[in-house]
Structures are given as C-alpha cells and as structure tokens.
All heavy atoms as atom14 arrays in JSON, in Angstrom:
{
  "sequence": "QVHLVESGGGSAQAGGSLRLSCAAFGPTYRMSNAVAWFRQSPEN",
  "atom14_mask": [
    [1, 1, 1, 1, 1, 1, 1, 1, 1, 0, 0, 0, 0, 0],
    [1, 1, 1, 1, 1, 1, 1, 0, 0, 0, 0, 0, 0, 0],
    [1, 1, 1, 1, 1, 1, 1, 1, 1, 1, 0, 0, 0, 0],
    [1, 1, 1, 1, 1, 1, 1, 1, 0, 0, 0, 0, 0, 0],
    [1, 1, 1, 1, 1, 1, 1, 0, 0, 0, 0, 0, 0, 0],
    [1, 1, 1, 1, 1, 1, 1, 1, 1, 0, 0, 0, 0, 0],
    [1, 1, 1, 1, 1, 1, 0, 0, 0, 0, 0, 0, 0, 0],
    [1, 1, 1, 1, 0, 0, 0, 0, 0, 0, 0, 0, 0, 0],
    [1, 1, 1, 1, 0, 0, 0, 0, 0, 0, 0, 0, 0, 0],
    [1, 1, 1, 1, 0, 0, 0, 0, 0, 0, 0, 0, 0, 0],
    [1, 1, 1, 1, 1, 1, 0, 0, 0, 0, 0, 0, 0, 0],
    [1, 1, 1, 1, 1, 0, 0, 0, 0, 0, 0, 0, 0, 0],
    [1, 1, 1, 1, 1, 1, 1, 1, 1, 0, 0, 0, 0, 0],
    [1, 1, 1, 1, 1, 0, 0, 0, 0, 0, 0, 0, 0, 0],
    [1, 1, 1, 1, 0, 0, 0, 0, 0, 0, 0, 0, 0, 0],
    [1, 1, 1, 1, 0, 0, 0, 0, 0, 0, 0, 0, 0, 0],
    [1, 1, 1, 1, 1, 1, 0, 0, 0, 0, 0, 0, 0, 0],
    [1, 1, 1, 1, 1, 1, 1, 1, 0, 0, 0, 0, 0, 0],
    [1, 1, 1, 1, 1, 1, 1, 1, 1, 1, 1, 0, 0, 0],
    [1, 1, 1, 1, 1, 1, 1, 1, 0, 0, 0, 0, 0, 0],
    [1, 1, 1, 1, 1, 1, 0, 0, 0, 0, 0, 0, 0, 0],
    [1, 1, 1, 1, 1, 1, 0, 0, 0, 0, 0, 0, 0, 0],
    [1, 1, 1, 1, 1, 0, 0, 0, 0, 0, 0, 0, 0, 0],
    [1, 1, 1, 1, 1, 0, 0, 0, 0, 0, 0, 0, 0, 0],
    [1, 1, 1, 1, 1, 1, 1, 1, 1, 1, 1, 0, 0, 0],
    [1, 1, 1, 1, 0, 0, 0, 0, 0, 0, 0, 0, 0, 0],
    [1, 1, 1, 1, 1, 1, 1, 0, 0, 0, 0, 0, 0, 0],
    [1, 1, 1, 1, 1, 1, 1, 0, 0, 0, 0, 0, 0, 0],
    [1, 1, 1, 1, 1, 1, 1, 1, 1, 1, 1, 1, 0, 0],
    [1, 1, 1, 1, 1, 1, 1, 1, 1, 1, 1, 0, 0, 0],
    [1, 1, 1, 1, 1, 1, 1, 1, 0, 0, 0, 0, 0, 0],
    [1, 1, 1, 1, 1, 1, 0, 0, 0, 0, 0, 0, 0, 0],
    [1, 1, 1, 1, 1, 1, 1, 1, 0, 0, 0, 0, 0, 0],
    [1, 1, 1, 1, 1, 0, 0, 0, 0, 0, 0, 0, 0, 0],
    [1, 1, 1, 1, 1, 1, 1, 0, 0, 0, 0, 0, 0, 0],
    [1, 1, 1, 1, 1, 0, 0, 0, 0, 0, 0, 0, 0, 0],
    [1, 1, 1, 1, 1, 1, 1, 1, 1, 1, 1, 1, 1, 1],
    [1, 1, 1, 1, 1, 1, 1, 1, 1, 1, 1, 0, 0, 0],
    [1, 1, 1, 1, 1, 1, 1, 1, 1, 1, 1, 0, 0, 0],
    [1, 1, 1, 1, 1, 1, 1, 1, 1, 0, 0, 0, 0, 0],
    [1, 1, 1, 1, 1, 1, 0, 0, 0, 0, 0, 0, 0, 0],
    [1, 1, 1, 1, 1, 1, 1, 0, 0, 0, 0, 0, 0, 0],
    [1, 1, 1, 1, 1, 1, 1, 1, 1, 0, 0, 0, 0, 0],
    [1, 1, 1, 1, 1, 1, 1, 1, 0, 0, 0, 0, 0, 0]
  ],
  "atom14_positions": [
    [[12.34, -13.59, 16.28], [12.73, -13.51, 14.87], [11.51, -13.77, 14.0], [10.7, -14.65, 14.29], [13.82, -14.56, 14.59], [14.45, -14.46, 13.21], [15.36, -13.29, 13.08], [15.7, -12.62, 14.07], [15.78, -12.99, 11.87], [0.0, 0.0, 0.0], [0.0, 0.0, 0.0], [0.0, 0.0, 0.0], [0.0, 0.0, 0.0], [0.0, 0.0, 0.0]],
    [[11.38, -12.99, 12.94], [10.29, -13.15, 11.99], [10.9, -13.31, 10.6], [11.77, -12.54, 10.2], [9.34, -11.93, 12.0], [8.28, -12.06, 10.92], [8.69, -11.77, 13.37], [0.0, 0.0, 0.0], [0.0, 0.0, 0.0], [0.0, 0.0, 0.0], [0.0, 0.0, 0.0], [0.0, 0.0, 0.0], [0.0, 0.0, 0.0], [0.0, 0.0, 0.0]],
    [[10.44, -14.31, 9.88], [10.89, -14.53, 8.5], [9.73, -14.25, 7.56], [8.59, -14.66, 7.82], [11.38, -15.96, 8.33], [12.5, -16.33, 9.23], [13.81, -15.94, 9.02], [12.51, -17.03, 10.4], [14.57, -16.39, 9.99], [13.82, -17.06, 10.84], [0.0, 0.0, 0.0], [0.0, 0.0, 0.0], [0.0, 0.0, 0.0], [0.0, 0.0, 0.0]],
    [[10.04, -13.57, 6.47], [9.02, -13.18, 5.5], [9.44, -13.65, 4.12], [10.6, -13.45, 3.72], [8.84, -11.66, 5.5], [8.49, -11.02, 6.85], [8.61, -9.51, 6.78], [7.1, -11.42, 7.29], [0.0, 0.0, 0.0], [0.0, 0.0, 0.0], [0.0, 0.0, 0.0], [0.0, 0.0, 0.0], [0.0, 0.0, 0.0], [0.0, 0.0, 0.0]],
    [[8.51, -14.23, 3.38], [8.8, -14.72, 2.03], [7.74, -14.19, 1.09], [6.55, -14.52, 1.23], [8.83, -16.26, 1.99], [9.11, -16.73, 0.57], [9.88, -16.8, 2.96], [0.0, 0.0, 0.0], [0.0, 0.0, 0.0], [0.0, 0.0, 0.0], [0.0, 0.0, 0.0], [0.0, 0.0, 0.0], [0.0, 0.0, 0.0], [0.0, 0.0, 0.0]],
    [[8.17, -13.38, 0.12], [7.24, -12.82, -0.86], [7.14, -13.71, -2.09], [8.09, -14.42, -2.45], [7.68, -11.43, -1.34], [7.79, -10.37, -0.27], [9.23, -10.17, 0.16], [10.01, -11.12, 0.03], [9.57, -9.08, 0.63], [0.0, 0.0, 0.0], [0.0, 0.0, 0.0], [0.0, 0.0, 0.0], [0.0, 0.0, 0.0], [0.0, 0.0, 0.0]],
    [[6.01, -13.65, -2.75], [5.83, -14.34, -4.03], [4.75, -13.62, -4.81], [4.03, -12.76, -4.26], [5.47, -15.81, -3.82], [4.25, -15.92, -3.09], [0.0, 0.0, 0.0], [0.0, 0.0, 0.0], [0.0, 0.0, 0.0], [0.0, 0.0, 0.0], [0.0, 0.0, 0.0], [0.0, 0.0, 0.0], [0.0, 0.0, 0.0], [0.0, 0.0, 0.0]],
    [[4.65, -13.95, -6.08], [3.55, -13.42, -6.89], [3.93, -12.28, -7.81], [3.09, -11.79, -8.56], [0.0, 0.0, 0.0], [0.0, 0.0, 0.0], [0.0, 0.0, 0.0], [0.0, 0.0, 0.0], [0.0, 0.0, 0.0], [0.0, 0.0, 0.0], [0.0, 0.0, 0.0], [0.0, 0.0, 0.0], [0.0, 0.0, 0.0], [0.0, 0.0, 0.0]],
    [[5.16, -11.84, -7.81], [5.56, -10.78, -8.72], [5.57, -11.28, -10.16], [5.37, -12.45, -10.44], [0.0, 0.0, 0.0], [0.0, 0.0, 0.0], [0.0, 0.0, 0.0], [0.0, 0.0, 0.0], [0.0, 0.0, 0.0], [0.0, 0.0, 0.0], [0.0, 0.0, 0.0], [0.0, 0.0, 0.0], [0.0, 0.0, 0.0], [0.0, 0.0, 0.0]],
    [[5.8, -10.34, -11.07], [5.86, -10.7, -12.48], [5.63, -9.48, -13.33], [5.84, -8.35, -12.89], [0.0, 0.0, 0.0], [0.0, 0.0, 0.0], [0.0, 0.0, 0.0], [0.0, 0.0, 0.0], [0.0, 0.0, 0.0], [0.0, 0.0, 0.0], [0.0, 0.0, 0.0], [0.0, 0.0, 0.0], [0.0, 0.0, 0.0], [0.0, 0.0, 0.0]],
    [[5.21, -9.72, -14.57], [4.97, -8.64, -15.51], [3.5, -8.53, -15.84], [2.79, -9.55, -15.88], [5.76, -8.89, -16.8], [7.15, -8.91, -16.54], [0.0, 0.0, 0.0], [0.0, 0.0, 0.0], [0.0, 0.0, 0.0], [0.0, 0.0, 0.0], [0.0, 0.0, 0.0], [0.0, 0.0, 0.0], [0.0, 0.0, 0.0], [0.0, 0.0, 0.0]],
    [[3.06, -7.31, -16.07], [1.67, -7.08, -16.45], [1.62, -5.83, -17.32], [2.5, -4.97, -17.24], [0.79, -6.9, -15.22], [0.0, 0.0, 0.0], [0.0, 0.0, 0.0], [0.0, 0.0, 0.0], [0.0, 0.0, 0.0], [0.0, 0.0, 0.0], [0.0, 0.0, 0.0], [0.0, 0.0, 0.0], [0.0, 0.0, 0.0], [0.0, 0.0, 0.0]],
    [[0.61, -5.76, -18.12], [0.39, -4.55, -18.9], [-0.37, -3.54, -18.06], [-1.06, -3.89, -17.09], [-0.38, -4.86, -20.17], [0.42, -5.63, -21.2], [-0.27, -5.69, -22.54], [-1.49, -5.79, -22.62], [0.51, -5.62, -23.61], [0.0, 0.0, 0.0], [0.0, 0.0, 0.0], [0.0, 0.0, 0.0], [0.0, 0.0, 0.0], [0.0, 0.0, 0.0]],
    [[-0.23, -2.29, -18.41], [-0.98, -1.24, -17.72], [-2.47, -1.56, -17.77], [-2.99, -1.99, -18.81], [-0.72, 0.11, -18.37], [0.0, 0.0, 0.0], [0.0, 0.0, 0.0], [0.0, 0.0, 0.0], [0.0, 0.0, 0.0], [0.0, 0.0, 0.0], [0.0, 0.0, 0.0], [0.0, 0.0, 0.0], [0.0, 0.0, 0.0], [0.0, 0.0, 0.0]],
    [[-3.11, -1.41, -16.62], [-4.52, -1.76, -16.49], [-4.75, -3.17, -16.01], [-5.88, -3.53, -15.65], [0.0, 0.0, 0.0], [0.0, 0.0, 0.0], [0.0, 0.0, 0.0], [0.0, 0.0, 0.0], [0.0, 0.0, 0.0], [0.0, 0.0, 0.0], [0.0, 0.0, 0.0], [0.0, 0.0, 0.0], [0.0, 0.0, 0.0], [0.0, 0.0, 0.0]],
    [[-3.69, -3.96, -15.97], [-3.8, -5.34, -15.53], [-3.72, -5.49, -14.03], [-3.72, -4.5, -13.29], [0.0, 0.0, 0.0], [0.0, 0.0, 0.0], [0.0, 0.0, 0.0], [0.0, 0.0, 0.0], [0.0, 0.0, 0.0], [0.0, 0.0, 0.0], [0.0, 0.0, 0.0], [0.0, 0.0, 0.0], [0.0, 0.0, 0.0], [0.0, 0.0, 0.0]],
    [[-3.62, -6.75, -13.59], [-3.62, -7.06, -12.15], [-2.54, -8.07, -11.82], [-2.15, -8.89, -12.66], [-4.98, -7.65, -11.75], [-6.03, -6.75, -11.97], [0.0, 0.0, 0.0], [0.0, 0.0, 0.0], [0.0, 0.0, 0.0], [0.0, 0.0, 0.0], [0.0, 0.0, 0.0], [0.0, 0.0, 0.0], [0.0, 0.0, 0.0], [0.0, 0.0, 0.0]],
    [[-2.07, -7.98, -10.6], [-1.17, -8.97, -10.01], [-1.55, -9.1, -8.54], [-2.06, -8.15, -7.93], [0.29, -8.55, -10.13], [0.95, -8.62, -11.5], [2.32, -7.95, -11.46], [1.1, -10.07, -11.95], [0.0, 0.0, 0.0], [0.0, 0.0, 0.0], [0.0, 0.0, 0.0], [0.0, 0.0, 0.0], [0.0, 0.0, 0.0], [0.0, 0.0, 0.0]],
    [[-1.25, -10.25, -7.96], [-1.44, -10.43, -6.52], [-0.14, -10.9, -5.9], [0.42, -11.92, -6.32], [-2.55, -11.43, -6.21], [-2.88, -11.47, -4.71], [-4.08, -12.31, -4.38], [-3.76, -13.72, -4.24], [-4.43, -14.58, -3.49], [-5.47, -14.17, -2.81], [-4.09, -15.85, -3.44], [0.0, 0.0, 0.0], [0.0, 0.0, 0.0], [0.0, 0.0, 0.0]],
    [[0.32, -10.17, -4.92], [1.52, -10.52, -4.18], [1.12, -11.19, -2.87], [0.09, -10.86, -2.27], [2.36, -9.28, -3.88], [2.74, -8.4, -5.07], [3.64, -7.26, -4.58], [3.41, -9.2, -6.15], [0.0, 0.0, 0.0], [0.0, 0.0, 0.0], [0.0, 0.0, 0.0], [0.0, 0.0, 0.0], [0.0, 0.0, 0.0], [0.0, 0.0, 0.0]],
    [[1.98, -12.13, -2.43], [1.78, -12.8, -1.15], [3.01, -12.62, -0.29], [4.13, -12.61, -0.79], [1.54, -14.3, -1.37], [0.41, -14.52, -2.18], [0.0, 0.0, 0.0], [0.0, 0.0, 0.0], [0.0, 0.0, 0.0], [0.0, 0.0, 0.0], [0.0, 0.0, 0.0], [0.0, 0.0, 0.0], [0.0, 0.0, 0.0], [0.0, 0.0, 0.0]],
    [[2.78, -12.53, 1.0], [3.88, -12.44, 1.97], [3.57, -13.44, 3.08], [2.66, -13.23, 3.88], [3.97, -11.02, 2.53], [5.15, -10.84, 3.89], [0.0, 0.0, 0.0], [0.0, 0.0, 0.0], [0.0, 0.0, 0.0], [0.0, 0.0, 0.0], [0.0, 0.0, 0.0], [0.0, 0.0, 0.0], [0.0, 0.0, 0.0], [0.0, 0.0, 0.0]],
    [[4.32, -14.54, 3.09], [4.15, -15.57, 4.12], [5.06, -15.24, 5.28], [6.26, -15.0, 5.09], [4.47, -16.94, 3.55], [0.0, 0.0, 0.0], [0.0, 0.0, 0.0], [0.0, 0.0, 0.0], [0.0, 0.0, 0.0], [0.0, 0.0, 0.0], [0.0, 0.0, 0.0], [0.0, 0.0, 0.0], [0.0, 0.0, 0.0], [0.0, 0.0, 0.0]],
    [[4.5, -15.22, 6.48], [5.25, -14.85, 7.68], [5.34, -16.04, 8.62], [4.37, -16.77, 8.83], [4.57, -13.68, 8.38], [0.0, 0.0, 0.0], [0.0, 0.0, 0.0], [0.0, 0.0, 0.0], [0.0, 0.0, 0.0], [0.0, 0.0, 0.0], [0.0, 0.0, 0.0], [0.0, 0.0, 0.0], [0.0, 0.0, 0.0], [0.0, 0.0, 0.0]],
    [[6.51, -16.25, 9.18], [6.67, -17.31, 10.17], [7.86, -16.98, 11.05], [8.66, -16.09, 10.73], [6.82, -18.67, 9.5], [7.94, -18.76, 8.5], [9.16, -19.29, 8.88], [7.78, -18.32, 7.21], [10.19, -19.38, 7.96], [8.81, -18.4, 6.29], [10.02, -18.92, 6.67], [0.0, 0.0, 0.0], [0.0, 0.0, 0.0], [0.0, 0.0, 0.0]],
    [[7.97, -17.68, 12.17], [9.06, -17.44, 13.1], [8.53, -17.39, 14.51], [7.33, -17.17, 14.74], [0.0, 0.0, 0.0], [0.0, 0.0, 0.0], [0.0, 0.0, 0.0], [0.0, 0.0, 0.0], [0.0, 0.0, 0.0], [0.0, 0.0, 0.0], [0.0, 0.0, 0.0], [0.0, 0.0, 0.0], [0.0, 0.0, 0.0], [0.0, 0.0, 0.0]],
    [[9.41, -17.57, 15.49], [8.96, -17.7, 16.88], [8.35, -16.44, 17.46], [7.58, -16.53, 18.41], [10.25, -18.08, 17.62], [11.36, -17.64, 16.74], [10.86, -17.75, 15.35], [0.0, 0.0, 0.0], [0.0, 0.0, 0.0], [0.0, 0.0, 0.0], [0.0, 0.0, 0.0], [0.0, 0.0, 0.0], [0.0, 0.0, 0.0], [0.0, 0.0, 0.0]],
    [[8.65, -15.27, 16.88], [8.1, -14.05, 17.47], [7.02, -13.41, 16.61], [6.52, -12.33, 16.94], [9.21, -13.01, 17.73], [9.87, -12.71, 16.49], [10.22, -13.54, 18.73], [0.0, 0.0, 0.0], [0.0, 0.0, 0.0], [0.0, 0.0, 0.0], [0.0, 0.0, 0.0], [0.0, 0.0, 0.0], [0.0, 0.0, 0.0], [0.0, 0.0, 0.0]],
    [[6.63, -14.08, 15.52], [5.56, -13.5, 14.71], [4.23, -13.68, 15.42], [3.91, -14.76, 15.91], [5.49, -14.14, 13.33], [4.37, -13.59, 12.49], [4.47, -12.33, 11.93], [3.18, -14.29, 12.31], [3.45, -11.79, 11.18], [2.15, -13.76, 11.58], [2.28, -12.51, 11.02], [1.25, -11.97, 10.28], [0.0, 0.0, 0.0], [0.0, 0.0, 0.0]],
    [[3.46, -12.62, 15.44], [2.12, -12.64, 16.0], [1.16, -12.11, 14.96], [1.49, -11.24, 14.16], [2.05, -11.76, 17.26], [3.0, -12.16, 18.37], [2.6, -13.46, 19.02], [3.53, -13.82, 20.11], [4.59, -14.59, 19.97], [4.88, -15.09, 18.76], [5.36, -14.86, 20.98], [0.0, 0.0, 0.0], [0.0, 0.0, 0.0], [0.0, 0.0, 0.0]],
    [[-0.08, -12.6, 15.01], [-1.04, -12.13, 14.01], [-1.4, -10.66, 14.25], [-2.03, -10.04, 13.41], [-2.29, -13.0, 13.99], [-3.15, -12.92, 15.21], [-4.62, -13.96, 14.98], [-5.58, -13.48, 16.4], [0.0, 0.0, 0.0], [0.0, 0.0, 0.0], [0.0, 0.0, 0.0], [0.0, 0.0, 0.0], [0.0, 0.0, 0.0], [0.0, 0.0, 0.0]],
    [[-0.96, -10.12, 15.38], [-1.16, -8.69, 15.62], [-0.03, -7.84, 15.05], [-0.1, -6.61, 15.1], [-1.3, -8.42, 17.12], [-0.13, -8.85, 17.81], [0.0, 0.0, 0.0], [0.0, 0.0, 0.0], [0.0, 0.0, 0.0], [0.0, 0.0, 0.0], [0.0, 0.0, 0.0], [0.0, 0.0, 0.0], [0.0, 0.0, 0.0], [0.0, 0.0, 0.0]],
    [[1.01, -8.47, 14.54], [2.1, -7.69, 13.92], [1.57, -6.85, 12.77], [0.69, -7.28, 12.02], [3.18, -8.62, 13.37], [4.2, -9.02, 14.42], [3.87, -9.11, 15.59], [5.41, -9.28, 13.97], [0.0, 0.0, 0.0], [0.0, 0.0, 0.0], [0.0, 0.0, 0.0], [0.0, 0.0, 0.0], [0.0, 0.0, 0.0], [0.0, 0.0, 0.0]],
    [[2.11, -5.66, 12.62], [1.86, -4.88, 11.42], [2.69, -5.49, 10.28], [3.85, -5.86, 10.48], [2.25, -3.43, 11.62], [0.0, 0.0, 0.0], [0.0, 0.0, 0.0], [0.0, 0.0, 0.0], [0.0, 0.0, 0.0], [0.0, 0.0, 0.0], [0.0, 0.0, 0.0], [0.0, 0.0, 0.0], [0.0, 0.0, 0.0], [0.0, 0.0, 0.0]],
    [[2.07, -5.6, 9.11], [2.77, -6.07, 7.92], [2.52, -5.05, 6.81], [1.37, -4.7, 6.55], [2.3, -7.47, 7.49], [3.0, -7.89, 6.21], [2.57, -8.48, 8.6], [0.0, 0.0, 0.0], [0.0, 0.0, 0.0], [0.0, 0.0, 0.0], [0.0, 0.0, 0.0], [0.0, 0.0, 0.0], [0.0, 0.0, 0.0], [0.0, 0.0, 0.0]],
    [[3.59, -4.6, 6.2], [3.49, -3.55, 5.19], [4.18, -3.99, 3.91], [5.03, -4.87, 3.9], [4.14, -2.26, 5.7], [0.0, 0.0, 0.0], [0.0, 0.0, 0.0], [0.0, 0.0, 0.0], [0.0, 0.0, 0.0], [0.0, 0.0, 0.0], [0.0, 0.0, 0.0], [0.0, 0.0, 0.0], [0.0, 0.0, 0.0], [0.0, 0.0, 0.0]],
    [[3.79, -3.33, 2.83], [4.45, -3.48, 1.53], [5.11, -2.16, 1.17], [4.49, -1.1, 1.3], [3.44, -3.86, 0.45], [2.94, -5.26, 0.55], [1.8, -5.67, 1.17], [3.56, -6.43, 0.02], [1.67, -7.04, 1.05], [2.74, -7.53, 0.35], [4.72, -6.68, -0.72], [3.04, -8.85, -0.03], [5.02, -7.98, -1.09], [4.18, -9.04, -0.75]],
    [[6.35, -2.27, 0.71], [7.09, -1.12, 0.21], [7.57, -1.42, -1.2], [7.89, -2.56, -1.53], [8.32, -0.83, 1.1], [7.95, -0.33, 2.47], [7.69, -1.22, 3.5], [7.89, 1.04, 2.73], [7.37, -0.77, 4.77], [7.56, 1.5, 3.99], [7.3, 0.6, 5.01], [0.0, 0.0, 0.0], [0.0, 0.0, 0.0], [0.0, 0.0, 0.0]],
    [[7.65, -0.39, -2.01], [8.17, -0.52, -3.37], [9.53, 0.17, -3.45], [9.65, 1.34, -3.06], [7.21, 0.1, -4.38], [7.71, 0.12, -5.81], [6.68, 0.74, -6.74], [6.33, 2.09, -6.34], [7.01, 3.19, -6.63], [8.13, 3.09, -7.33], [6.59, 4.37, -6.24], [0.0, 0.0, 0.0], [0.0, 0.0, 0.0], [0.0, 0.0, 0.0]],
    [[10.5, -0.55, -3.96], [11.83, 0.03, -4.1], [12.04, 0.43, -5.55], [11.85, -0.36, -6.47], [12.91, -0.96, -3.67], [14.32, -0.4, -3.75], [15.3, -1.23, -2.96], [15.15, -1.43, -1.76], [16.32, -1.71, -3.64], [0.0, 0.0, 0.0], [0.0, 0.0, 0.0], [0.0, 0.0, 0.0], [0.0, 0.0, 0.0], [0.0, 0.0, 0.0]],
    [[12.43, 1.69, -5.73], [12.66, 2.23, -7.05], [14.07, 1.85, -7.53], [14.91, 1.4, -6.74], [12.53, 3.76, -7.01], [13.61, 4.31, -6.27], [0.0, 0.0, 0.0], [0.0, 0.0, 0.0], [0.0, 0.0, 0.0], [0.0, 0.0, 0.0], [0.0, 0.0, 0.0], [0.0, 0.0, 0.0], [0.0, 0.0, 0.0], [0.0, 0.0, 0.0]],
    [[14.36, 2.05, -8.83], [15.72, 1.79, -9.33], [16.79, 2.62, -8.61], [17.95, 2.25, -8.59], [15.63, 2.17, -10.82], [14.19, 1.98, -11.16], [13.43, 2.36, -9.92], [0.0, 0.0, 0.0], [0.0, 0.0, 0.0], [0.0, 0.0, 0.0], [0.0, 0.0, 0.0], [0.0, 0.0, 0.0], [0.0, 0.0, 0.0], [0.0, 0.0, 0.0]],
    [[16.37, 3.74, -8.02], [17.31, 4.57, -7.25], [17.44, 4.09, -5.81], [18.05, 4.76, -4.97], [16.84, 6.04, -7.27], [16.82, 6.67, -8.67], [15.63, 6.23, -9.49], [14.6, 5.84, -8.88], [15.72, 6.26, -10.73], [0.0, 0.0, 0.0], [0.0, 0.0, 0.0], [0.0, 0.0, 0.0], [0.0, 0.0, 0.0], [0.0, 0.0, 0.0]],
    [[16.83, 2.92, -5.52], [16.91, 2.29, -4.19], [16.19, 3.05, -3.09], [16.47, 2.85, -1.91], [18.37, 2.04, -3.77], [18.99, 0.91, -4.55], [18.3, -0.02, -4.98], [20.29, 0.99, -4.75], [0.0, 0.0, 0.0], [0.0, 0.0, 0.0], [0.0, 0.0, 0.0], [0.0, 0.0, 0.0], [0.0, 0.0, 0.0], [0.0, 0.0, 0.0]]
  ]
}
C-alpha cells in the first residue's frame, strides 16, 4: 500500500509560480516507484 499526500496548491496570477509537493509513504513504497502529476479539468 502506498499513501500520497499533496500540498502546495493555491492561487497565482498568470506568469507566476507555485510549487506542489507529494509526500509518499507506506509499506510498499520504493524510491524506484514512478510518481506522476495529473491535472483534472472541471469536466473530470
């Protein structure tokens, strides 16, 4: 099992910056795991 916790979202103006974090833990998480970011649109 792998648990993932995101943080760092918020609001920014165009041209600005944000940094997102994804903390991973759990008995089967390995540092060789692939970790990806996906964006979900309002249409899901």
